[in-house]
Amino acid sequence: MRFGVISTADIGIDSVIPGIVASDHEFGAIASRDASRAQAVADRFDAPTAYGSYDALLADDSLDAVYIPLPNGLHAEWIRRAADAGLHVLCEKPLTGSAEETAAVFDYCEDRDVVLMEAFMYRFHPLTERAVEIVDTELGEVRNVTSTFTFRMPDGAEDIRLDPALDGGSVMDVGCYAISAARLFLGDPERVYGVTNDGRDCGVDTEMTGILEYEGGATARVQSGFETPLTQYYRVETTDGWLRAEPTFDIGVDNGTQLTYSDGDETMTERFDPTDHYRLEVEHFADCVEAGETPRIDRTESVAIMSIIDALYESADAGGPVTL
């Protein structure tokens, strides 16, 4: 599969483009509103083509798919434009700013017979796959999940993640990972309660804490933020034991990670060698396109995560719980 990349965003240059290059697929073209920036990235990765506009890339008949790492608020527009060009779409999370719009872009892509997948790369790491396997097959009923992703954004930073017009905020940037992990182990909640704080008076949340309540009394606590040091982990409590993994989400491809779990009798630790989960994500997406199969991160999952995010924001605004 031949990929085009729309924008010279850091996540693409540092992680996803190297993942494409390391895979069996091809990095065919990149576009930027600054043609010189696009050319510099093309030269760095030996891509044959650089474009000075996104529309020019979409008109490239040699491409099969695009990867979109634009600011959140621009995702929906360029997903639709890529679909109009007949290109399959791997797009950074979150796909859009609401569950309703997320469902709408899936409808749009399905109508044009192109595959759309949200780029939650951590889902393809062996750590995540093993954690799910352990909880499903070796531990009892899940009663609680705690999932956290925070980092300290520099004071005075001028960052698109602080821009409300571009769907910024800690929930949209890193909280979506914590919510995704909670849903991975507990599914969809019945009710949520969210608290947010705009610690920089910028119009978006820079901290969020949410409680998700489930049928039968199980709960999850999710947290995100730009105000405290880097923390990324989840802990799953079951009727007979527990599992904890750290780091879990933004794991450097040159870094190992580990999980520890207890079944009530023994406590065990499993370590994972450095893994390029961006390459695994790219390969899964391409394999699904070529086989005509539904990606692991599908419409149901993407819409469900955004429904929880919508409800957390609604709850924070209202000051009370929201039923989904």
C-alpha atoms as a PDB file:
ATOM      1  CA  MET A   1       0.000   0.000   0.000  1.00  0.00           C
ATOM      2  CA  ARG A   2       1.251   3.465  -0.897  1.00  0.00           C
ATOM      3  CA  PHE A   3       0.617   6.138   1.763  1.00  0.00           C
ATOM      4  CA  GLY A   4       0.413   9.891   1.514  1.00  0.00           C
ATOM      5  CA  VAL A   5       0.746  12.007   4.657  1.00  0.00           C
ATOM      6  CA  ILE A   6      -1.223  15.225   5.122  1.00  0.00           C
ATOM      7  CA  SER A   7       0.865  17.672   7.203  1.00  0.00           C
ATOM      8  CA  THR A   8       4.339  17.713   8.687  1.00  0.00           C
ATOM      9  CA  ALA A   9       3.125  17.292  12.272  1.00  0.00           C
ATOM     10  CA  ASP A  10       5.663  15.918  14.750  1.00  0.00           C
ATOM     11  CA  ILE A  11       3.711  12.711  15.427  1.00  0.00           C
ATOM     12  CA  GLY A  12       3.969  11.856  11.755  1.00  0.00           C
ATOM     13  CA  ILE A  13       7.638  12.729  11.350  1.00  0.00           C
ATOM     14  CA  ASP A  14       8.780  11.179  14.630  1.00  0.00           C
ATOM     15  CA  SER A  15       6.610   8.071  14.758  1.00  0.00           C
ATOM     16  CA  VAL A  16       4.129   7.155  12.032  1.00  0.00           C
ATOM     17  CA  ILE A  17       6.204   7.873   8.921  1.00  0.00           C
ATOM     18  CA  PRO A  18       9.079   5.794  10.361  1.00  0.00           C
ATOM     19  CA  GLY A  19       6.483   3.089  11.027  1.00  0.00           C
ATOM     20  CA  ILE A  20       5.351   3.182   7.399  1.00  0.00           C
ATOM     21  CA  VAL A  21       8.953   3.070   6.189  1.00  0.00           C
ATOM     22  CA  ALA A  22       9.721   0.112   8.484  1.00  0.00           C
ATOM     23  CA  SER A  23       6.690  -1.799   7.214  1.00  0.00           C
ATOM     24  CA  ASP A  24       6.186  -3.600   3.910  1.00  0.00           C
ATOM     25  CA  HIS A  25       4.323  -0.537   2.651  1.00  0.00           C
ATOM     26  CA  GLU A  26       5.486   2.678   1.011  1.00  0.00           C
ATOM     27  CA  PHE A  27       5.675   6.310   2.063  1.00  0.00           C
ATOM     28  CA  GLY A  28       4.812   7.840  -1.285  1.00  0.00           C
ATOM     29  CA  ALA A  29       4.136  11.531  -0.698  1.00  0.00           C
ATOM     30  CA  ILE A  30       3.759  14.268   1.896  1.00  0.00           C
ATOM     31  CA  ALA A  31       1.933  17.582   1.805  1.00  0.00           C
ATOM     32  CA  SER A  32       2.297  20.798   3.784  1.00  0.00           C
ATOM     33  CA  ARG A  33       1.043  24.320   3.330  1.00  0.00           C
ATOM     34  CA  ASP A  34       4.762  25.140   3.269  1.00  0.00           C
ATOM     35  CA  ALA A  35       6.253  23.357   0.253  1.00  0.00           C
ATOM     36  CA  SER A  36       9.799  23.627   1.623  1.00  0.00           C
ATOM     37  CA  ARG A  37       8.798  21.822   4.829  1.00  0.00           C
ATOM     38  CA  ALA A  38       7.157  19.066   2.831  1.00  0.00           C
ATOM     39  CA  GLN A  39      10.250  18.690   0.674  1.00  0.00           C
ATOM     40  CA  ALA A  40      12.512  18.500   3.726  1.00  0.00           C
ATOM     41  CA  VAL A  41      10.465  15.602   5.151  1.00  0.00           C
ATOM     42  CA  ALA A  42      10.336  13.877   1.756  1.00  0.00           C
ATOM     43  CA  ASP A  43      14.117  14.162   1.480  1.00  0.00           C
ATOM     44  CA  ARG A  44      14.626  12.839   5.005  1.00  0.00           C
ATOM     45  CA  PHE A  45      12.625   9.671   4.307  1.00  0.00           C
ATOM     46  CA  ASP A  46      13.368   9.316   0.569  1.00  0.00           C
ATOM     47  CA  ALA A  47       9.748   9.880  -0.382  1.00  0.00           C
ATOM     48  CA  PRO A  48       9.417  10.546  -4.114  1.00  0.00           C
ATOM     49  CA  THR A  49       6.938  13.414  -3.927  1.00  0.00           C
ATOM     50  CA  ALA A  50       6.301  16.546  -1.842  1.00  0.00           C
ATOM     51  CA  TYR A  51       3.327  18.852  -2.285  1.00  0.00           C
ATOM     52  CA  GLY A  52       2.703  22.436  -1.206  1.00  0.00           C
ATOM     53  CA  SER A  53      -1.013  21.823  -0.626  1.00  0.00           C
ATOM     54  CA  TYR A  54      -3.166  19.063   0.791  1.00  0.00           C
ATOM     55  CA  ASP A  55      -5.461  19.079  -2.247  1.00  0.00           C
ATOM     56  CA  ALA A  56      -2.509  18.399  -4.547  1.00  0.00           C
ATOM     57  CA  LEU A  57      -1.652  15.285  -2.561  1.00  0.00           C
ATOM     58  CA  LEU A  58      -5.242  14.035  -2.691  1.00  0.00           C
ATOM     59  CA  ALA A  59      -5.123  14.327  -6.485  1.00  0.00           C
ATOM     60  CA  ASP A  60      -2.115  11.971  -6.671  1.00  0.00           C
ATOM     61  CA  ASP A  61      -3.459   8.852  -8.401  1.00  0.00           C
ATOM     62  CA  SER A  62      -0.494   6.754  -7.246  1.00  0.00           C
ATOM     63  CA  LEU A  63      -1.655   6.798  -3.600  1.00  0.00           C
ATOM     64  CA  ASP A  64      -3.870   4.198  -1.942  1.00  0.00           C
ATOM     65  CA  ALA A  65      -4.321   5.754   1.512  1.00  0.00           C
ATOM     66  CA  VAL A  66      -3.576   8.822   3.589  1.00  0.00           C
ATOM     67  CA  TYR A  67      -2.465   9.304   7.154  1.00  0.00           C
ATOM     68  CA  ILE A  68      -3.873  12.484   8.755  1.00  0.00           C
ATOM     69  CA  PRO A  69      -2.095  14.001  11.801  1.00  0.00           C
ATOM     70  CA  LEU A  70      -3.668  17.462  11.472  1.00  0.00           C
ATOM     71  CA  PRO A  71      -5.031  19.360  14.518  1.00  0.00           C
ATOM     72  CA  ASN A  72      -8.170  17.703  15.895  1.00  0.00           C
ATOM     73  CA  GLY A  73     -10.537  20.351  14.613  1.00  0.00           C
ATOM     74  CA  LEU A  74      -9.451  19.742  11.007  1.00  0.00           C
ATOM     75  CA  HIS A  75      -9.789  15.962  10.978  1.00  0.00           C
ATOM     76  CA  ALA A  76     -13.404  15.702   9.810  1.00  0.00           C
ATOM     77  CA  GLU A  77     -12.927  18.013   6.813  1.00  0.00           C
ATOM     78  CA  TRP A  78      -9.877  16.193   5.499  1.00  0.00           C
ATOM     79  CA  ILE A  79     -11.275  12.725   6.202  1.00  0.00           C
ATOM     80  CA  ARG A  80     -14.159  13.652   3.919  1.00  0.00           C
ATOM     81  CA  ARG A  81     -11.889  15.138   1.266  1.00  0.00           C
ATOM     82  CA  ALA A  82      -9.695  12.039   1.288  1.00  0.00           C
ATOM     83  CA  ALA A  83     -12.761   9.823   0.985  1.00  0.00           C
ATOM     84  CA  ASP A  84     -13.940  11.911  -1.974  1.00  0.00           C
ATOM     85  CA  ALA A  85     -10.581  11.138  -3.596  1.00  0.00           C
ATOM     86  CA  GLY A  86     -11.141   7.417  -3.025  1.00  0.00           C
ATOM     87  CA  LEU A  87      -8.331   7.143  -0.474  1.00  0.00           C
ATOM     88  CA  HIS A  88      -8.468   4.985   2.644  1.00  0.00           C
ATOM     89  CA  VAL A  89      -7.872   6.971   5.832  1.00  0.00           C
ATOM     90  CA  LEU A  90      -5.758   6.368   8.928  1.00  0.00           C
ATOM     91  CA  CYS A  91      -6.408   9.424  11.113  1.00  0.00           C
ATOM     92  CA  GLU A  92      -5.019  10.502  14.450  1.00  0.00           C
ATOM     93  CA  LYS A  93      -7.215  10.418  17.505  1.00  0.00           C
ATOM     94  CA  PRO A  94      -9.737  11.777  18.146  1.00  0.00           C
ATOM     95  CA  LEU A  95     -11.349  11.479  14.734  1.00  0.00           C
ATOM     96  CA  THR A  96     -13.676  14.425  15.380  1.00  0.00           C
ATOM     97  CA  GLY A  97     -14.975  16.630  18.170  1.00  0.00           C
ATOM     98  CA  SER A  98     -18.143  14.663  18.976  1.00  0.00           C
ATOM     99  CA  ALA A  99     -19.726  11.240  18.773  1.00  0.00           C
ATOM    100  CA  GLU A 100     -22.312  12.515  16.302  1.00  0.00           C
ATOM    101  CA  GLU A 101     -19.661  13.831  13.935  1.00  0.00           C
ATOM    102  CA  THR A 102     -17.578  10.672  14.352  1.00  0.00           C
ATOM    103  CA  ALA A 103     -20.547   8.558  13.257  1.00  0.00           C
ATOM    104  CA  ALA A 104     -21.069  10.944  10.356  1.00  0.00           C
ATOM    105  CA  VAL A 105     -17.517  10.596   9.005  1.00  0.00           C
ATOM    106  CA  PHE A 106     -17.803   6.803   9.198  1.00  0.00           C
ATOM    107  CA  ASP A 107     -21.052   7.067   7.198  1.00  0.00           C
ATOM    108  CA  TYR A 108     -19.284   9.287   4.675  1.00  0.00           C
ATOM    109  CA  CYS A 109     -16.395   6.879   4.226  1.00  0.00           C
ATOM    110  CA  GLU A 110     -18.649   3.831   3.994  1.00  0.00           C
ATOM    111  CA  ASP A 111     -20.730   5.540   1.302  1.00  0.00           C
ATOM    112  CA  ARG A 112     -17.515   6.019  -0.709  1.00  0.00           C
ATOM    113  CA  ASP A 113     -16.240   2.499  -0.020  1.00  0.00           C
ATOM    114  CA  VAL A 114     -13.088   3.575   1.805  1.00  0.00           C
ATOM    115  CA  VAL A 115     -11.779   2.307   5.139  1.00  0.00           C
ATOM    116  CA  LEU A 116     -11.431   4.705   8.081  1.00  0.00           C
ATOM    117  CA  MET A 117      -9.454   3.839  11.212  1.00  0.00           C
ATOM    118  CA  GLU A 118      -8.606   5.908  14.278  1.00  0.00           C
ATOM    119  CA  ALA A 119      -4.900   5.796  15.170  1.00  0.00           C
ATOM    120  CA  PHE A 120      -4.777   4.493  18.745  1.00  0.00           C
ATOM    121  CA  MET A 121      -1.343   2.917  18.267  1.00  0.00           C
ATOM    122  CA  TYR A 122      -1.156   1.509  21.813  1.00  0.00           C
ATOM    123  CA  ARG A 123      -3.869  -1.007  20.899  1.00  0.00           C
ATOM    124  CA  PHE A 124      -1.314  -2.840  18.722  1.00  0.00           C
ATOM    125  CA  HIS A 125       1.458  -3.096  21.300  1.00  0.00           C
ATOM    126  CA  PRO A 126       2.037  -6.628  22.645  1.00  0.00           C
ATOM    127  CA  LEU A 127       1.686  -5.174  26.158  1.00  0.00           C
ATOM    128  CA  THR A 128      -1.919  -4.184  25.475  1.00  0.00           C
ATOM    129  CA  GLU A 129      -2.760  -7.453  23.775  1.00  0.00           C
ATOM    130  CA  ARG A 130      -1.301  -9.464  26.657  1.00  0.00           C
ATOM    131  CA  ALA A 131      -3.021  -7.333  29.309  1.00  0.00           C
ATOM    132  CA  VAL A 132      -6.388  -7.958  27.672  1.00  0.00           C
ATOM    133  CA  GLU A 133      -5.630 -11.679  27.426  1.00  0.00           C
ATOM    134  CA  ILE A 134      -4.662 -11.929  31.105  1.00  0.00           C
ATOM    135  CA  VAL A 135      -7.748 -10.078  32.314  1.00  0.00           C
ATOM    136  CA  ASP A 136     -10.028 -12.097  30.036  1.00  0.00           C
ATOM    137  CA  THR A 137      -8.615 -15.550  30.726  1.00  0.00           C
ATOM    138  CA  GLU A 138      -6.621 -15.583  33.973  1.00  0.00           C
ATOM    139  CA  LEU A 139      -8.386 -13.165  36.326  1.00  0.00           C
ATOM    140  CA  GLY A 140     -11.901 -12.865  37.679  1.00  0.00           C
ATOM    141  CA  GLU A 141     -14.619 -10.299  37.172  1.00  0.00           C
ATOM    142  CA  VAL A 142     -13.359  -6.735  36.684  1.00  0.00           C
ATOM    143  CA  ARG A 143     -14.616  -4.400  39.398  1.00  0.00           C
ATOM    144  CA  ASN A 144     -12.490  -1.295  38.892  1.00  0.00           C
ATOM    145  CA  VAL A 145     -10.113   0.258  36.380  1.00  0.00           C
ATOM    146  CA  THR A 146      -7.877   3.266  37.029  1.00  0.00           C
ATOM    147  CA  SER A 147      -6.357   4.777  33.899  1.00  0.00           C
ATOM    148  CA  THR A 148      -4.202   7.909  33.748  1.00  0.00           C
ATOM    149  CA  PHE A 149      -2.293   9.856  31.101  1.00  0.00           C
ATOM    150  CA  THR A 150      -0.831  13.224  32.083  1.00  0.00           C
ATOM    151  CA  PHE A 151       2.218  15.309  31.224  1.00  0.00           C
ATOM    152  CA  ARG A 152       3.513  18.754  32.118  1.00  0.00           C
ATOM    153  CA  MET A 153       3.118  21.210  29.250  1.00  0.00           C
ATOM    154  CA  PRO A 154       5.602  24.115  29.599  1.00  0.00           C
ATOM    155  CA  ASP A 155       4.228  27.309  31.089  1.00  0.00           C
ATOM    156  CA  GLY A 156       3.446  29.899  28.445  1.00  0.00           C
ATOM    157  CA  ALA A 157       3.380  27.314  25.668  1.00  0.00           C
ATOM    158  CA  GLU A 158       1.719  28.312  22.410  1.00  0.00           C
ATOM    159  CA  ASP A 159       0.284  24.961  21.474  1.00  0.00           C
ATOM    160  CA  ILE A 160      -2.607  23.890  19.247  1.00  0.00           C
ATOM    161  CA  ARG A 161      -3.714  21.615  22.078  1.00  0.00           C
ATOM    162  CA  LEU A 162      -4.682  24.753  24.023  1.00  0.00           C
ATOM    163  CA  ASP A 163      -6.865  26.111  21.202  1.00  0.00           C
ATOM    164  CA  PRO A 164     -10.631  25.558  21.621  1.00  0.00           C
ATOM    165  CA  ALA A 165     -11.213  26.294  17.909  1.00  0.00           C
ATOM    166  CA  LEU A 166      -9.102  23.220  17.079  1.00  0.00           C
ATOM    167  CA  ASP A 167     -10.799  20.905  19.610  1.00  0.00           C
ATOM    168  CA  GLY A 168      -7.932  21.149  22.058  1.00  0.00           C
ATOM    169  CA  GLY A 169      -7.835  20.082  25.683  1.00  0.00           C
ATOM    170  CA  SER A 170      -6.286  17.350  27.784  1.00  0.00           C
ATOM    171  CA  VAL A 171      -9.213  14.973  27.280  1.00  0.00           C
ATOM    172  CA  MET A 172      -8.958  15.220  23.505  1.00  0.00           C
ATOM    173  CA  ASP A 173      -5.170  14.889  23.531  1.00  0.00           C
ATOM    174  CA  VAL A 174      -4.352  12.263  26.167  1.00  0.00           C
ATOM    175  CA  GLY A 175      -7.551  11.575  28.104  1.00  0.00           C
ATOM    176  CA  CYS A 176      -8.952   9.695  25.128  1.00  0.00           C
ATOM    177  CA  TYR A 177      -6.259   7.055  25.743  1.00  0.00           C
ATOM    178  CA  ALA A 178      -7.275   6.654  29.381  1.00  0.00           C
ATOM    179  CA  ILE A 179     -10.928   6.381  28.346  1.00  0.00           C
ATOM    180  CA  SER A 180     -10.065   3.880  25.613  1.00  0.00           C
ATOM    181  CA  ALA A 181      -8.248   1.684  28.144  1.00  0.00           C
ATOM    182  CA  ALA A 182     -11.128   1.799  30.639  1.00  0.00           C
ATOM    183  CA  ARG A 183     -13.512   0.755  27.890  1.00  0.00           C
ATOM    184  CA  LEU A 184     -11.120  -2.003  26.795  1.00  0.00           C
ATOM    185  CA  PHE A 185     -11.512  -3.736  30.155  1.00  0.00           C
ATOM    186  CA  LEU A 186     -15.025  -2.722  31.235  1.00  0.00           C
ATOM    187  CA  GLY A 187     -16.936  -1.797  28.088  1.00  0.00           C
ATOM    188  CA  ASP A 188     -19.424   1.065  27.880  1.00  0.00           C
ATOM    189  CA  PRO A 189     -20.539   2.749  31.119  1.00  0.00           C
ATOM    190  CA  GLU A 190     -24.100   3.545  32.099  1.00  0.00           C
ATOM    191  CA  ARG A 191     -23.300   6.872  33.728  1.00  0.00           C
ATOM    192  CA  VAL A 192     -20.331   9.257  33.957  1.00  0.00           C
ATOM    193  CA  TYR A 193     -19.301  12.114  36.198  1.00  0.00           C
ATOM    194  CA  GLY A 194     -16.608  14.504  35.028  1.00  0.00           C
ATOM    195  CA  VAL A 195     -14.674  17.384  36.554  1.00  0.00           C
ATOM    196  CA  THR A 196     -12.444  19.619  34.433  1.00  0.00           C
ATOM    197  CA  ASN A 197     -10.168  22.567  35.080  1.00  0.00           C
ATOM    198  CA  ASP A 198      -8.869  25.219  32.695  1.00  0.00           C
ATOM    199  CA  GLY A 199      -5.650  25.971  34.547  1.00  0.00           C
ATOM    200  CA  ARG A 200      -4.311  28.284  31.835  1.00  0.00           C
ATOM    201  CA  ASP A 201      -7.450  30.315  31.097  1.00  0.00           C
ATOM    202  CA  CYS A 202      -7.224  29.204  27.480  1.00  0.00           C
ATOM    203  CA  GLY A 203     -10.743  27.931  26.876  1.00  0.00           C
ATOM    204  CA  VAL A 204     -10.021  24.194  27.091  1.00  0.00           C
ATOM    205  CA  ASP A 205      -9.569  21.712  29.910  1.00  0.00           C
ATOM    206  CA  THR A 206      -5.985  21.337  31.089  1.00  0.00           C
ATOM    207  CA  GLU A 207      -7.009  18.754  33.705  1.00  0.00           C
ATOM    208  CA  MET A 208      -9.825  16.202  33.856  1.00  0.00           C
ATOM    209  CA  THR A 209     -10.946  13.531  36.268  1.00  0.00           C
ATOM    210  CA  GLY A 210     -13.841  11.274  35.402  1.00  0.00           C
ATOM    211  CA  ILE A 211     -15.760   8.489  37.108  1.00  0.00           C
ATOM    212  CA  LEU A 212     -17.444   5.897  34.887  1.00  0.00           C
ATOM    213  CA  GLU A 213     -20.184   3.770  36.446  1.00  0.00           C
ATOM    214  CA  TYR A 214     -21.223   0.362  35.086  1.00  0.00           C
ATOM    215  CA  GLU A 215     -24.081  -2.074  35.461  1.00  0.00           C
ATOM    216  CA  GLY A 216     -23.512  -4.198  38.540  1.00  0.00           C
ATOM    217  CA  GLY A 217     -21.547  -1.537  40.376  1.00  0.00           C
ATOM    218  CA  ALA A 218     -18.164  -1.697  38.619  1.00  0.00           C
ATOM    219  CA  THR A 219     -16.393   1.644  38.184  1.00  0.00           C
ATOM    220  CA  ALA A 220     -13.501   3.253  36.354  1.00  0.00           C
ATOM    221  CA  ARG A 221     -11.526   6.368  37.186  1.00  0.00           C
ATOM    222  CA  VAL A 222      -9.926   8.185  34.250  1.00  0.00           C
ATOM    223  CA  GLN A 223      -7.577  11.142  34.450  1.00  0.00           C
ATOM    224  CA  SER A 224      -5.795  13.425  31.988  1.00  0.00           C
ATOM    225  CA  GLY A 225      -3.878  16.662  32.219  1.00  0.00           C
ATOM    226  CA  PHE A 226      -1.231  19.094  31.067  1.00  0.00           C
ATOM    227  CA  GLU A 227      -0.295  20.281  34.568  1.00  0.00           C
ATOM    228  CA  THR A 228       1.532  17.382  36.250  1.00  0.00           C
ATOM    229  CA  PRO A 229       4.548  15.230  35.305  1.00  0.00           C
ATOM    230  CA  LEU A 230       4.346  12.403  32.787  1.00  0.00           C
ATOM    231  CA  THR A 231       2.239   9.518  34.078  1.00  0.00           C
ATOM    232  CA  GLN A 232       0.754   6.812  31.907  1.00  0.00           C
ATOM    233  CA  TYR A 233      -0.583   3.612  33.378  1.00  0.00           C
ATOM    234  CA  TYR A 234      -3.661   1.523  34.024  1.00  0.00           C
ATOM    235  CA  ARG A 235      -4.556  -0.761  36.904  1.00  0.00           C
ATOM    236  CA  VAL A 236      -7.334  -3.327  36.712  1.00  0.00           C
ATOM    237  CA  GLU A 237      -8.874  -4.694  39.932  1.00  0.00           C
ATOM    238  CA  THR A 238     -10.743  -8.000  39.751  1.00  0.00           C
ATOM    239  CA  THR A 239     -12.590 -10.193  42.223  1.00  0.00           C
ATOM    240  CA  ASP A 240      -9.504 -12.362  42.663  1.00  0.00           C
ATOM    241  CA  GLY A 241      -6.541 -10.204  41.746  1.00  0.00           C
ATOM    242  CA  TRP A 242      -5.204  -7.221  39.837  1.00  0.00           C
ATOM    243  CA  LEU A 243      -3.080  -6.123  36.884  1.00  0.00           C
ATOM    244  CA  ARG A 244      -0.965  -2.984  36.490  1.00  0.00           C
ATOM    245  CA  ALA A 245       0.893  -1.847  33.343  1.00  0.00           C
ATOM    246  CA  GLU A 246       3.267   1.100  33.011  1.00  0.00           C
ATOM    247  CA  PRO A 247       4.141   2.780  30.697  1.00  0.00           C
ATOM    248  CA  THR A 248       1.160   1.930  28.555  1.00  0.00           C
ATOM    249  CA  PHE A 249       0.273   4.461  25.865  1.00  0.00           C
ATOM    250  CA  ASP A 250       3.091   6.568  24.433  1.00  0.00           C
ATOM    251  CA  ILE A 251       5.804   3.931  24.694  1.00  0.00           C
ATOM    252  CA  GLY A 252       8.946   4.908  22.811  1.00  0.00           C
ATOM    253  CA  VAL A 253       9.732   2.412  20.067  1.00  0.00           C
ATOM    254  CA  ASP A 254      13.213   2.005  21.558  1.00  0.00           C
ATOM    255  CA  ASN A 255      11.869   1.411  25.070  1.00  0.00           C
ATOM    256  CA  GLY A 256      10.648  -1.715  26.770  1.00  0.00           C
ATOM    257  CA  THR A 257       7.727  -1.868  29.168  1.00  0.00           C
ATOM    258  CA  GLN A 258       6.151  -4.278  31.624  1.00  0.00           C
ATOM    259  CA  LEU A 259       3.039  -5.410  33.395  1.00  0.00           C
ATOM    260  CA  THR A 260       2.580  -7.059  36.778  1.00  0.00           C
ATOM    261  CA  TYR A 261      -0.443  -9.081  37.838  1.00  0.00           C
ATOM    262  CA  SER A 262      -1.678 -11.241  40.676  1.00  0.00           C
ATOM    263  CA  ASP A 263      -4.269 -14.009  40.616  1.00  0.00           C
ATOM    264  CA  GLY A 264      -4.503 -14.059  44.404  1.00  0.00           C
ATOM    265  CA  ASP A 265      -1.902 -16.800  44.779  1.00  0.00           C
ATOM    266  CA  GLU A 266       1.084 -15.548  42.820  1.00  0.00           C
ATOM    267  CA  THR A 267       2.358 -12.174  41.611  1.00  0.00           C
ATOM    268  CA  MET A 268       3.975 -12.262  38.190  1.00  0.00           C
ATOM    269  CA  THR A 269       5.801  -9.706  36.053  1.00  0.00           C
ATOM    270  CA  GLU A 270       6.099  -9.861  32.286  1.00  0.00           C
ATOM    271  CA  ARG A 271       8.494  -7.627  30.357  1.00  0.00           C
ATOM    272  CA  PHE A 272       8.187  -6.557  26.743  1.00  0.00           C
ATOM    273  CA  ASP A 273      11.045  -5.725  24.432  1.00  0.00           C
ATOM    274  CA  PRO A 274      11.067  -2.468  22.444  1.00  0.00           C
ATOM    275  CA  THR A 275       8.320  -2.632  19.826  1.00  0.00           C
ATOM    276  CA  ASP A 276       7.329  -0.312  16.991  1.00  0.00           C
ATOM    277  CA  HIS A 277       3.596  -0.214  17.619  1.00  0.00           C
ATOM    278  CA  TYR A 278       3.248   2.452  14.928  1.00  0.00           C
ATOM    279  CA  ARG A 279       4.503  -0.062  12.360  1.00  0.00           C
ATOM    280  CA  LEU A 280       2.086  -2.654  13.731  1.00  0.00           C
ATOM    281  CA  GLU A 281      -0.752  -0.131  13.482  1.00  0.00           C
ATOM    282  CA  VAL A 282       0.105   0.672   9.860  1.00  0.00           C
ATOM    283  CA  GLU A 283       0.371  -3.001   8.952  1.00  0.00           C
ATOM    284  CA  HIS A 284      -2.952  -3.851  10.595  1.00  0.00           C
ATOM    285  CA  PHE A 285      -4.699  -1.005   8.768  1.00  0.00           C
ATOM    286  CA  ALA A 286      -3.229  -1.991   5.413  1.00  0.00           C
ATOM    287  CA  ASP A 287      -3.996  -5.687   5.974  1.00  0.00           C
ATOM    288  CA  CYS A 288      -7.639  -4.849   6.738  1.00  0.00           C
ATOM    289  CA  VAL A 289      -7.951  -2.701   3.625  1.00  0.00           C
ATOM    290  CA  GLU A 290      -6.429  -5.392   1.415  1.00  0.00           C
ATOM    291  CA  ALA A 291      -8.524  -8.193   2.949  1.00  0.00           C
ATOM    292  CA  GLY A 292     -11.762  -6.207   3.086  1.00  0.00           C
ATOM    293  CA  GLU A 293     -11.939  -6.701   6.864  1.00  0.00           C
ATOM    294  CA  THR A 294     -13.055  -4.349   9.635  1.00  0.00           C
ATOM    295  CA  PRO A 295     -10.123  -2.803  11.554  1.00  0.00           C
ATOM    296  CA  ARG A 296      -9.605  -3.534  15.230  1.00  0.00           C
ATOM    297  CA  ILE A 297     -10.494   0.081  16.018  1.00  0.00           C
ATOM    298  CA  ASP A 298     -13.815   0.301  14.221  1.00  0.00           C
ATOM    299  CA  ARG A 299     -16.868   2.545  14.095  1.00  0.00           C
ATOM    300  CA  THR A 300     -18.332   1.042  17.263  1.00  0.00           C
ATOM    301  CA  GLU A 301     -15.207   1.709  19.314  1.00  0.00           C
ATOM    302  CA  SER A 302     -14.507   5.204  17.979  1.00  0.00           C
ATOM    303  CA  VAL A 303     -18.091   6.381  18.441  1.00  0.00           C
ATOM    304  CA  ALA A 304     -18.283   4.836  21.925  1.00  0.00           C
ATOM    305  CA  ILE A 305     -15.104   6.580  23.111  1.00  0.00           C
ATOM    306  CA  MET A 306     -16.368   9.924  21.832  1.00  0.00           C
ATOM    307  CA  SER A 307     -19.756   9.331  23.472  1.00  0.00           C
ATOM    308  CA  ILE A 308     -17.972   8.982  26.810  1.00  0.00           C
ATOM    309  CA  ILE A 309     -15.935  12.139  26.125  1.00  0.00           C
ATOM    310  CA  ASP A 310     -19.104  14.044  25.191  1.00  0.00           C
ATOM    311  CA  ALA A 311     -20.748  12.894  28.413  1.00  0.00           C
ATOM    312  CA  LEU A 312     -17.738  13.835  30.562  1.00  0.00           C
ATOM    313  CA  TYR A 313     -17.751  17.351  29.144  1.00  0.00           C
ATOM    314  CA  GLU A 314     -21.520  17.603  29.584  1.00  0.00           C
ATOM    315  CA  SER A 315     -21.193  16.436  33.175  1.00  0.00           C
ATOM    316  CA  ALA A 316     -18.394  18.897  33.927  1.00  0.00           C
ATOM    317  CA  ASP A 317     -20.488  21.759  32.540  1.00  0.00           C
ATOM    318  CA  ALA A 318     -23.621  20.685  34.424  1.00  0.00           C
ATOM    319  CA  GLY A 319     -21.864  19.800  37.673  1.00  0.00           C
ATOM    320  CA  GLY A 320     -23.565  16.422  37.940  1.00  0.00           C
ATOM    321  CA  PRO A 321     -23.652  12.888  36.521  1.00  0.00           C
ATOM    322  CA  VAL A 322     -24.782  12.188  32.957  1.00  0.00           C
ATOM    323  CA  THR A 323     -26.463   8.978  31.831  1.00  0.00           C
ATOM    324  CA  LEU A 324     -25.389   7.590  28.485  1.00  0.00           C
END
